[in-house]
Amino acid sequence: MPASATSGALRPESFALQTVLETLSDRFGDRFSTSRAVREQHANTLTWIENQPPDGVVFPESTEEVAGIVRLCAAHGVPMVPFGIGSSFEGHVNAPLGGISISTARMNAVVAVHSEDLDVVVQPGVTRKQLNEALRDQGLFFPIDPGADASLGGMASTRASGTNAVRYGTMKDNVLALTVVLPSGEIMTTGGRAKKSSSGYDLTRLLVGAEGTLGVITELTLRLQGIPEAISAGVCPFPSVEAACDATIMTIQSGLPVARIELLDEVQVRAANAYSKLSLVETPTLFLEFHGTDASVKEQAERFGEIAEEFGGGPFDWATKAEDRNKLWQARHDSFWAALALRPGAKSVPTDVCVPISRLAECVAETKRDLARSGIVSPIVGHVGDGNFHCQPLVDMDDPADVATCKAFLARLVERAIAMGGTCSGEHGVGQAKMKYLEAEHGAAALAAMRAIKLALDPQNIMNPGKIVTV
């Protein structure tokens, strides 16, 4: 029988766990695995957070199969961890108490496209790229774009955002309805295909961002958008991150309907040039994209060029060819991998915060100064149109002083954002790593309310335990 995921010793509940493992093996055959390699793949792998594998991994194909797995685990008090593709950064998919990882990889069907109503029904294992490939021939697309080709169930669970959020919102704005298996094994539906409702509690938004702690998402109904008539993208260098952020603030405050506005500091530009074979000037740079008609896109780009010039930015180079746009945004999406090459052998510690846009320039500039004082190699990138930016410190895990310096920086980053009226995470989520900041951000009463909701729906604390709140 597998050992404990945390202690290396058999746990007191080993008989119950063994019963669950044997039952799942009999029921699912080769769609269930206890191999160490598979179990470790279904825990945190991308960052310095410890890999805490489950005791087994099961691959259901329907809501009913998920419900059966959950009922089995609930009957024996065995923890469960919903799993998408494992692209999250904050330890969301770790199994600190062991148990069963419920992978949605085989639940990857586009169930129904309602083009007239601009919505689609999908299973949770469908990835954003897979969905947009399926929609392209109908002139539609799903706009939430976190960078990684994440699963839509995982994106809903972490309340994902991305490069298009400044225009199209985040997952909370684009999920209309969910089918969820609750920790008891009961199947629940939330919301519907109507574009708005004043009926009852908003359970959909409760579950979007719950990080799998309240149930397993098995189906989603999502808003769609029409593919714009014209799209242009471009890059604009600036003399400093303050200037780039100030130009962003002016762009948003002036009502310019920019679709994407992304900041890369000079460290990230250097990494992107090397990794993605770009030839950008190594200075803070904004990547932008405009959607609309040919005339409106041209007008938006020209207006932004004028704003950039006011803050010492430019020249603004823009292009309408799809291949040029794709190369630009692929470089942005590859920023995680590009950054790793800046310090070979180091471990990545990607993190994010979000502040009111009026405090963005101040927060980014102070963070840059903090990194310089600390001697930390860390690019900064940001979805700056909504005040969200990311740091990716690179740490030598064999150097205790390096690790301690990075931990202290991460704490100051979050404290700085919260002090400016912001949040400990704009899109990565809480997981294990940021639980300690929730009371400072939300207050004791709000945290108690979250804990009460968790216990009401999951009294055994077996659905992704050890995430968001302690119970």
Protein backbone atom coordinates (compact mmCIF):
# COMPACT_ATOMS: atom_id res chain seq x y z
CA MET A 1 0.00 0.00 0.00
CA PRO A 2 1.32 3.51 -0.77
CA ALA A 3 2.89 5.38 2.10
CA SER A 4 1.64 8.68 3.44
CA ALA A 5 2.22 11.60 1.10
CA THR A 6 3.60 13.65 3.96
CA SER A 7 5.31 11.40 6.49
CA GLY A 8 6.51 8.37 4.55
CA ALA A 9 4.73 6.10 7.08
CA LEU A 10 1.42 4.27 6.88
CA ARG A 11 -1.40 6.37 8.28
CA PRO A 12 -4.01 5.38 10.87
CA GLU A 13 -6.71 5.36 8.18
CA SER A 14 -4.72 2.93 6.04
CA PHE A 15 -7.48 0.30 5.99
CA ALA A 16 -10.04 2.79 4.65
CA LEU A 17 -7.54 4.07 2.10
CA GLN A 18 -6.67 0.54 1.00
CA THR A 19 -10.37 -0.21 0.50
CA VAL A 20 -10.75 2.88 -1.72
CA LEU A 21 -7.62 2.05 -3.75
CA GLU A 22 -8.72 -1.53 -4.35
CA THR A 23 -12.27 -0.49 -5.26
CA LEU A 24 -11.07 2.13 -7.74
CA SER A 25 -8.63 -0.35 -9.28
CA ASP A 26 -11.40 -2.90 -9.76
CA ARG A 27 -13.83 -0.29 -11.11
CA PHE A 28 -11.55 1.69 -13.43
CA GLY A 29 -8.81 -0.74 -14.44
CA ASP A 30 -6.13 1.06 -16.45
CA ARG A 31 -7.90 4.38 -15.76
CA PHE A 32 -6.56 4.21 -12.23
CA SER A 33 -2.90 4.35 -11.22
CA THR A 34 -0.83 4.15 -8.05
CA SER A 35 2.55 4.36 -9.80
CA ARG A 36 4.91 6.86 -8.18
CA ALA A 37 5.62 8.66 -11.46
CA VAL A 38 1.93 9.25 -12.21
CA ARG A 39 1.21 10.30 -8.63
CA GLU A 40 4.07 12.81 -8.62
CA GLN A 41 2.89 14.23 -11.97
CA HIS A 42 -0.44 14.95 -10.29
CA ALA A 43 1.03 17.20 -7.59
CA ASN A 44 2.85 20.54 -7.68
CA THR A 45 5.69 20.38 -10.23
CA LEU A 46 6.31 23.91 -11.55
CA THR A 47 7.58 25.84 -8.53
CA TRP A 48 9.61 25.47 -5.37
CA ILE A 49 6.58 24.29 -3.38
CA GLU A 50 7.13 20.70 -2.20
CA ASN A 51 5.68 17.95 -4.38
CA GLN A 52 3.05 16.16 -2.24
CA PRO A 53 1.60 13.34 -4.36
CA PRO A 54 -1.74 11.62 -3.83
CA ASP A 55 -1.98 7.88 -3.11
CA GLY A 56 -3.74 7.20 -6.41
CA VAL A 57 -4.93 8.93 -9.57
CA VAL A 58 -8.23 8.15 -11.28
CA PHE A 59 -9.38 9.27 -14.73
CA PRO A 60 -13.20 9.47 -14.92
CA GLU A 61 -15.06 10.24 -18.15
CA SER A 62 -18.44 11.50 -16.94
CA THR A 63 -20.19 13.38 -14.17
CA GLU A 64 -21.71 10.12 -12.96
CA GLU A 65 -18.28 8.49 -12.65
CA VAL A 66 -16.99 11.47 -10.69
CA ALA A 67 -19.99 11.27 -8.39
CA GLY A 68 -19.30 7.57 -7.77
CA ILE A 69 -15.65 8.29 -6.92
CA VAL A 70 -16.62 11.08 -4.54
CA ARG A 71 -19.26 8.96 -2.79
CA LEU A 72 -16.71 6.18 -2.31
CA CYS A 73 -14.09 8.53 -0.87
CA ALA A 74 -16.65 10.29 1.34
CA ALA A 75 -17.86 6.99 2.76
CA HIS A 76 -14.32 6.17 3.88
CA GLY A 77 -13.12 9.68 4.78
CA VAL A 78 -10.44 9.70 2.10
CA PRO A 79 -9.30 13.12 0.75
CA MET A 80 -9.79 14.06 -2.91
CA VAL A 81 -7.95 16.60 -5.09
CA PRO A 82 -9.51 17.73 -8.41
CA PHE A 83 -6.86 17.98 -11.15
CA GLY A 84 -6.90 19.78 -14.52
CA ILE A 85 -3.50 19.85 -16.21
CA GLY A 86 -1.36 20.96 -13.27
CA SER A 87 -0.35 24.40 -14.56
CA SER A 88 -1.18 26.24 -11.32
CA PHE A 89 1.61 27.79 -9.26
CA GLU A 90 0.47 27.92 -5.63
CA GLY A 91 0.29 24.24 -4.68
CA HIS A 92 -3.40 23.86 -5.54
CA VAL A 93 -3.03 20.24 -6.71
CA ASN A 94 -0.83 18.96 -3.90
CA ALA A 95 -2.22 16.23 -1.66
CA PRO A 96 -0.77 17.06 1.79
CA LEU A 97 -2.99 14.40 3.40
CA GLY A 98 -2.68 11.91 0.56
CA GLY A 99 -5.89 10.54 -0.94
CA ILE A 100 -7.14 10.41 -4.52
CA SER A 101 -6.42 12.80 -7.39
CA ILE A 102 -9.44 13.07 -9.67
CA SER A 103 -8.05 13.95 -13.09
CA THR A 104 -10.42 15.49 -15.64
CA ALA A 105 -8.06 14.78 -18.57
CA ARG A 106 -10.52 12.35 -20.20
CA MET A 107 -13.49 14.68 -19.70
CA ASN A 108 -12.56 16.78 -22.72
CA ALA A 109 -15.65 17.04 -24.90
CA VAL A 110 -17.19 20.21 -26.30
CA VAL A 111 -20.77 19.25 -25.47
CA ALA A 112 -22.79 21.93 -27.28
CA VAL A 113 -22.17 25.23 -29.06
CA HIS A 114 -25.06 27.71 -29.08
CA SER A 115 -23.71 30.20 -31.59
CA GLU A 116 -26.88 32.30 -31.67
CA ASP A 117 -26.71 32.80 -27.92
CA LEU A 118 -22.92 33.16 -27.78
CA ASP A 119 -22.39 30.36 -25.27
CA VAL A 120 -20.88 26.88 -25.15
CA VAL A 121 -21.14 23.85 -22.86
CA VAL A 122 -17.89 21.96 -22.21
CA GLN A 123 -16.46 19.29 -19.97
CA PRO A 124 -13.76 20.53 -17.56
CA GLY A 125 -10.80 18.85 -19.27
CA VAL A 126 -11.23 20.89 -22.46
CA THR A 127 -8.33 23.33 -22.75
CA ARG A 128 -8.69 26.92 -23.91
CA LYS A 129 -6.78 26.22 -27.15
CA GLN A 130 -8.88 23.12 -27.86
CA LEU A 131 -12.06 25.13 -27.39
CA ASN A 132 -10.96 27.96 -29.64
CA GLU A 133 -9.94 25.49 -32.35
CA ALA A 134 -13.46 24.02 -32.18
CA LEU A 135 -15.04 27.49 -32.37
CA ARG A 136 -12.94 29.09 -35.11
CA ASP A 137 -15.10 27.94 -38.04
CA GLN A 138 -18.13 29.56 -36.42
CA GLY A 139 -16.48 32.96 -36.07
CA LEU A 140 -16.45 32.74 -32.26
CA PHE A 141 -13.80 32.57 -29.55
CA PHE A 142 -13.43 32.23 -25.80
CA PRO A 143 -11.38 35.22 -24.62
CA ILE A 144 -9.85 34.20 -21.28
CA ASP A 145 -6.18 33.59 -21.97
CA PRO A 146 -3.96 32.88 -18.93
CA GLY A 147 -0.93 31.93 -21.02
CA ALA A 148 -0.69 28.22 -20.31
CA ASP A 149 -3.01 25.97 -22.30
CA ALA A 150 -4.90 25.37 -19.08
CA SER A 151 -8.04 23.26 -18.70
CA LEU A 152 -11.27 25.23 -18.45
CA GLY A 153 -12.25 23.46 -15.25
CA GLY A 154 -8.97 24.47 -13.69
CA MET A 155 -9.34 28.02 -14.99
CA ALA A 156 -12.75 28.27 -13.34
CA SER A 157 -11.44 26.76 -10.11
CA THR A 158 -8.66 29.34 -9.81
CA ARG A 159 -10.76 32.22 -11.19
CA ALA A 160 -8.19 32.64 -13.96
CA SER A 161 -7.57 35.83 -15.84
CA GLY A 162 -4.97 36.63 -18.50
CA THR A 163 -3.97 38.96 -21.26
CA ASN A 164 -7.51 39.70 -22.51
CA ALA A 165 -9.01 40.46 -19.10
CA VAL A 166 -8.78 44.23 -19.46
CA ARG A 167 -11.49 44.04 -22.14
CA TYR A 168 -13.30 40.74 -21.61
CA GLY A 169 -13.06 40.21 -17.85
CA THR A 170 -11.96 37.12 -15.92
CA MET A 171 -13.43 33.66 -15.50
CA LYS A 172 -15.95 34.94 -12.96
CA ASP A 173 -17.42 37.16 -15.70
CA ASN A 174 -17.53 34.43 -18.34
CA VAL A 175 -18.91 31.35 -16.56
CA LEU A 176 -22.69 31.21 -16.82
CA ALA A 177 -23.37 27.82 -15.25
CA LEU A 178 -21.66 24.82 -13.68
CA THR A 179 -22.34 21.20 -12.96
CA VAL A 180 -20.52 20.27 -9.75
CA VAL A 181 -20.16 17.11 -7.70
CA LEU A 182 -20.32 18.17 -4.05
CA PRO A 183 -18.15 16.52 -1.35
CA SER A 184 -21.09 14.25 -0.47
CA GLY A 185 -21.25 12.91 -4.03
CA GLU A 186 -24.46 14.81 -4.81
CA ILE A 187 -24.62 16.41 -8.27
CA MET A 188 -25.57 20.09 -8.31
CA THR A 189 -26.15 22.55 -11.15
CA THR A 190 -25.70 26.29 -10.73
CA GLY A 191 -26.82 29.13 -12.98
CA GLY A 192 -28.18 28.68 -16.49
CA ARG A 193 -27.83 29.89 -20.05
CA ALA A 194 -29.72 33.13 -19.49
CA LYS A 195 -27.37 36.11 -19.57
CA LYS A 196 -28.53 37.36 -16.20
CA SER A 197 -30.59 36.22 -13.22
CA SER A 198 -31.86 37.60 -9.91
CA SER A 199 -32.82 34.16 -8.65
CA GLY A 200 -31.25 32.88 -5.45
CA TYR A 201 -27.68 32.86 -4.19
CA ASP A 202 -24.97 33.16 -6.84
CA LEU A 203 -23.55 29.67 -6.37
CA THR A 204 -21.72 29.84 -9.69
CA ARG A 205 -19.50 32.66 -8.50
CA LEU A 206 -19.04 30.95 -5.15
CA LEU A 207 -17.56 27.92 -6.90
CA VAL A 208 -15.54 29.90 -9.46
CA GLY A 209 -12.36 30.53 -7.53
CA ALA A 210 -13.03 27.93 -4.81
CA GLU A 211 -9.97 26.00 -6.04
CA GLY A 212 -11.68 22.63 -5.82
CA THR A 213 -12.29 22.94 -2.08
CA LEU A 214 -16.10 22.86 -2.40
CA GLY A 215 -16.60 20.29 -5.14
CA VAL A 216 -15.46 18.90 -8.49
CA ILE A 217 -16.53 20.86 -11.58
CA THR A 218 -17.73 18.41 -14.25
CA GLU A 219 -19.37 20.75 -16.80
CA LEU A 220 -19.23 24.46 -17.61
CA THR A 221 -21.37 26.83 -19.65
CA LEU A 222 -19.24 29.72 -20.90
CA ARG A 223 -19.82 33.06 -22.61
CA LEU A 224 -18.37 33.44 -26.09
CA GLN A 225 -17.36 36.44 -28.20
CA GLY A 226 -17.38 37.06 -31.92
CA ILE A 227 -13.95 37.11 -33.56
CA PRO A 228 -13.26 40.80 -34.27
CA GLU A 229 -13.29 42.07 -37.84
CA ALA A 230 -9.82 43.52 -37.38
CA ILE A 231 -7.03 42.87 -34.87
CA SER A 232 -3.73 44.70 -34.57
CA ALA A 233 -0.91 44.18 -32.11
CA GLY A 234 2.26 46.06 -31.42
CA VAL A 235 5.10 46.89 -29.07
CA CYS A 236 6.09 50.18 -27.51
CA PRO A 237 9.32 50.74 -25.51
CA PHE A 238 9.50 53.12 -22.55
CA PRO A 239 12.37 54.68 -20.61
CA SER A 240 11.19 53.21 -17.28
CA VAL A 241 8.56 50.93 -15.76
CA GLU A 242 6.98 54.03 -14.18
CA ALA A 243 6.53 55.60 -17.61
CA ALA A 244 5.05 52.40 -19.06
CA CYS A 245 2.64 52.06 -16.13
CA ASP A 246 1.65 55.73 -16.28
CA ALA A 247 0.91 55.35 -20.00
CA THR A 248 -1.22 52.31 -19.19
CA ILE A 249 -3.15 54.23 -16.55
CA MET A 250 -3.79 57.09 -18.97
CA THR A 251 -4.90 54.63 -21.67
CA ILE A 252 -7.47 53.03 -19.38
CA GLN A 253 -8.67 56.28 -17.85
CA SER A 254 -9.16 57.84 -21.30
CA GLY A 255 -11.58 55.05 -22.22
CA LEU A 256 -9.48 53.58 -25.02
CA PRO A 257 -10.93 50.05 -25.50
CA VAL A 258 -7.61 48.22 -25.60
CA ALA A 259 -7.98 44.42 -25.68
CA ARG A 260 -4.55 43.59 -24.27
CA ILE A 261 -1.90 45.74 -22.62
CA GLU A 262 1.02 43.81 -21.16
CA LEU A 263 4.18 45.03 -19.45
CA LEU A 264 7.55 43.34 -19.80
CA ASP A 265 10.36 44.91 -17.81
CA GLU A 266 13.87 45.07 -19.27
CA VAL A 267 14.83 41.76 -17.59
CA GLN A 268 11.91 39.93 -19.21
CA VAL A 269 12.58 41.59 -22.57
CA ARG A 270 16.16 40.30 -22.45
CA ALA A 271 14.86 36.80 -21.65
CA ALA A 272 12.25 36.97 -24.44
CA ASN A 273 14.81 38.10 -26.99
CA ALA A 274 17.00 35.08 -26.20
CA TYR A 275 14.24 32.48 -25.83
CA SER A 276 11.75 33.61 -28.50
CA LYS A 277 14.27 35.03 -30.98
CA LEU A 278 12.94 38.58 -30.79
CA SER A 279 15.02 41.70 -31.36
CA LEU A 280 13.41 44.19 -29.00
CA VAL A 281 15.28 47.03 -27.34
CA GLU A 282 16.03 45.85 -23.79
CA THR A 283 13.96 48.43 -21.97
CA PRO A 284 10.53 48.29 -20.28
CA THR A 285 8.04 47.54 -23.05
CA LEU A 286 4.30 47.32 -23.51
CA PHE A 287 2.75 44.66 -25.75
CA LEU A 288 -0.70 45.77 -26.95
CA GLU A 289 -3.60 44.50 -29.00
CA PHE A 290 -6.66 46.29 -30.37
CA HIS A 291 -9.93 44.70 -31.55
CA GLY A 292 -12.66 46.21 -33.72
CA THR A 293 -13.22 47.36 -37.28
CA ASP A 294 -10.37 48.36 -39.58
CA ALA A 295 -11.10 52.01 -38.91
CA SER A 296 -11.50 51.72 -35.14
CA VAL A 297 -8.35 49.62 -34.74
CA LYS A 298 -6.35 52.21 -36.68
CA GLU A 299 -7.80 55.01 -34.57
CA GLN A 300 -7.08 53.18 -31.30
CA ALA A 301 -3.47 52.49 -32.27
CA GLU A 302 -2.89 56.09 -33.28
CA ARG A 303 -4.41 57.39 -30.05
CA PHE A 304 -2.25 55.07 -27.98
CA GLY A 305 0.82 56.26 -29.85
CA GLU A 306 -0.02 59.81 -28.80
CA ILE A 307 -0.43 58.75 -25.16
CA ALA A 308 2.85 56.84 -25.21
CA GLU A 309 4.67 59.85 -26.59
CA GLU A 310 3.44 61.95 -23.65
CA PHE A 311 5.35 59.60 -21.31
CA GLY A 312 8.50 59.33 -23.39
CA GLY A 313 7.51 56.07 -25.03
CA GLY A 314 7.89 55.00 -28.62
CA PRO A 315 8.13 54.41 -31.38
CA PHE A 316 4.98 52.31 -31.33
CA ASP A 317 5.37 49.57 -33.94
CA TRP A 318 2.21 47.70 -34.81
CA ALA A 319 1.16 44.98 -37.24
CA THR A 320 -2.04 43.40 -38.46
CA LYS A 321 -0.62 40.15 -39.91
CA ALA A 322 -1.69 37.12 -37.91
CA GLU A 323 1.77 35.54 -37.97
CA ASP A 324 3.37 38.68 -36.52
CA ARG A 325 0.74 38.91 -33.77
CA ASN A 326 1.08 35.23 -32.94
CA LYS A 327 4.86 35.47 -32.60
CA LEU A 328 4.50 38.43 -30.27
CA TRP A 329 1.93 36.81 -27.99
CA GLN A 330 3.67 33.45 -28.00
CA ALA A 331 6.75 35.23 -26.67
CA ARG A 332 4.60 36.76 -23.92
CA HIS A 333 3.07 33.39 -23.06
CA ASP A 334 6.52 31.76 -22.98
CA SER A 335 7.78 34.25 -20.39
CA PHE A 336 7.87 31.57 -17.67
CA TRP A 337 10.19 29.33 -19.68
CA ALA A 338 12.22 32.26 -21.00
CA ALA A 339 12.89 33.47 -17.46
CA LEU A 340 14.23 30.10 -16.33
CA ALA A 341 17.11 30.45 -18.81
CA LEU A 342 18.30 33.59 -17.00
CA ARG A 343 19.64 31.48 -14.12
CA PRO A 344 20.17 27.85 -15.18
CA GLY A 345 19.64 25.37 -12.37
CA ALA A 346 17.59 27.78 -10.29
CA LYS A 347 14.05 27.03 -9.16
CA SER A 348 11.23 29.30 -10.30
CA VAL A 349 8.96 31.09 -7.82
CA PRO A 350 6.27 32.77 -9.94
CA THR A 351 3.88 34.96 -7.97
CA ASP A 352 1.42 37.76 -8.62
CA VAL A 353 -0.35 40.63 -6.91
CA CYS A 354 -2.94 43.13 -8.08
CA VAL A 355 -3.50 46.74 -7.02
CA PRO A 356 -5.89 49.53 -7.98
CA ILE A 357 -4.63 50.85 -11.28
CA SER A 358 -3.94 54.30 -9.77
CA ARG A 359 -1.28 52.66 -7.54
CA LEU A 360 0.21 50.44 -10.26
CA ALA A 361 3.22 52.56 -11.22
CA GLU A 362 4.12 53.09 -7.56
CA CYS A 363 3.81 49.41 -6.70
CA VAL A 364 5.82 48.14 -9.68
CA ALA A 365 8.54 50.76 -9.20
CA GLU A 366 8.94 49.98 -5.49
CA THR A 367 9.01 46.25 -6.30
CA LYS A 368 11.81 46.85 -8.82
CA ARG A 369 13.78 48.73 -6.17
CA ASP A 370 13.16 45.94 -3.66
CA LEU A 371 14.48 43.33 -6.11
CA ALA A 372 17.57 45.41 -6.78
CA ARG A 373 18.29 45.86 -3.06
CA SER A 374 17.79 42.15 -2.46
CA GLY A 375 20.00 41.05 -5.35
CA ILE A 376 17.26 38.78 -6.71
CA VAL A 377 17.09 37.85 -10.40
CA SER A 378 13.40 38.27 -11.23
CA PRO A 379 11.67 39.45 -14.39
CA ILE A 380 8.41 41.36 -14.05
CA VAL A 381 5.51 40.93 -16.44
CA GLY A 382 2.01 42.21 -15.97
CA HIS A 383 -1.56 42.37 -17.17
CA VAL A 384 -1.21 46.01 -16.32
CA GLY A 385 -4.52 47.11 -17.83
CA ASP A 386 -6.18 45.77 -14.67
CA GLY A 387 -3.38 46.44 -12.20
CA ASN A 388 -2.09 42.85 -12.08
CA PHE A 389 1.62 42.05 -12.34
CA HIS A 390 3.84 39.01 -11.84
CA CYS A 391 7.33 38.47 -10.47
CA GLN A 392 9.35 35.33 -11.12
CA PRO A 393 12.28 35.15 -8.69
CA LEU A 394 14.87 32.52 -9.57
CA VAL A 395 16.29 30.82 -6.49
CA ASP A 396 19.19 28.49 -5.75
CA MET A 397 17.43 25.95 -3.54
CA ASP A 398 20.79 24.68 -2.24
CA ASP A 399 21.61 28.12 -0.80
CA PRO A 400 19.64 28.74 2.45
CA ALA A 401 20.47 32.45 2.36
CA ASP A 402 19.10 32.73 -1.18
CA VAL A 403 15.89 30.96 -0.16
CA ALA A 404 15.47 33.17 2.91
CA THR A 405 16.04 36.34 0.87
CA CYS A 406 13.38 35.30 -1.63
CA LYS A 407 10.84 34.40 1.08
CA ALA A 408 11.32 37.80 2.68
CA PHE A 409 10.84 39.53 -0.68
CA LEU A 410 7.62 37.59 -1.41
CA ALA A 411 6.20 38.62 1.96
CA ARG A 412 7.04 42.28 1.34
CA LEU A 413 5.50 42.12 -2.14
CA VAL A 414 2.16 40.92 -0.78
CA GLU A 415 2.23 43.32 2.18
CA ARG A 416 2.94 46.19 -0.21
CA ALA A 417 0.02 45.27 -2.47
CA ILE A 418 -2.44 44.87 0.39
CA ALA A 419 -1.34 48.17 1.92
CA MET A 420 -2.16 49.84 -1.41
CA GLY A 421 -5.70 48.44 -1.38
CA GLY A 422 -4.78 45.43 -3.50
CA THR A 423 -4.82 41.66 -3.21
CA CYS A 424 -2.30 38.89 -2.57
CA SER A 425 -3.21 37.37 -5.94
CA GLY A 426 -4.92 38.77 -9.01
CA GLU A 427 -5.14 35.44 -10.81
CA HIS A 428 -2.82 32.68 -9.53
CA GLY A 429 -5.05 32.02 -6.53
CA VAL A 430 -4.38 31.06 -2.92
CA GLY A 431 -3.64 27.34 -2.86
CA GLN A 432 -1.23 26.47 -0.08
CA ALA A 433 1.27 29.27 -0.52
CA LYS A 434 -0.89 32.34 0.13
CA MET A 435 -3.27 31.12 2.83
CA LYS A 436 -1.32 33.08 5.44
CA TYR A 437 -2.25 36.41 3.81
CA LEU A 438 -6.03 36.01 3.67
CA GLU A 439 -6.86 37.41 7.08
CA ALA A 440 -4.75 40.53 6.47
CA GLU A 441 -6.51 41.06 3.14
CA HIS A 442 -10.09 40.11 4.00
CA GLY A 443 -10.36 40.38 7.78
CA ALA A 444 -11.20 37.81 10.44
CA ALA A 445 -14.97 37.97 9.86
CA ALA A 446 -14.68 37.24 6.14
CA LEU A 447 -12.25 34.39 6.77
CA ALA A 448 -14.66 32.93 9.33
CA ALA A 449 -17.47 33.12 6.76
CA MET A 450 -15.29 31.27 4.21
CA ARG A 451 -14.55 28.61 6.82
CA ALA A 452 -18.24 28.25 7.63
CA ILE A 453 -19.10 27.73 3.96
CA LYS A 454 -16.34 25.14 3.64
CA LEU A 455 -17.59 23.19 6.66
CA ALA A 456 -21.23 23.41 5.56
CA LEU A 457 -20.47 21.83 2.18
CA ASP A 458 -17.54 19.65 3.23
CA PRO A 459 -17.95 18.74 6.92
CA GLN A 460 -15.30 15.99 6.68
CA ASN A 461 -12.78 18.40 5.12
CA ILE A 462 -11.89 15.88 2.41
CA MET A 463 -12.30 18.01 -0.74
CA ASN A 464 -8.85 19.45 -1.56
CA PRO A 465 -8.00 19.96 2.11
CA GLY A 466 -5.23 22.31 3.18
CA LYS A 467 -6.09 25.00 0.60
CA ILE A 468 -7.52 28.52 1.06
CA VAL A 469 -8.69 28.08 4.66
CA THR A 470 -7.80 25.79 7.55
CA VAL A 471 -10.66 24.03 9.31
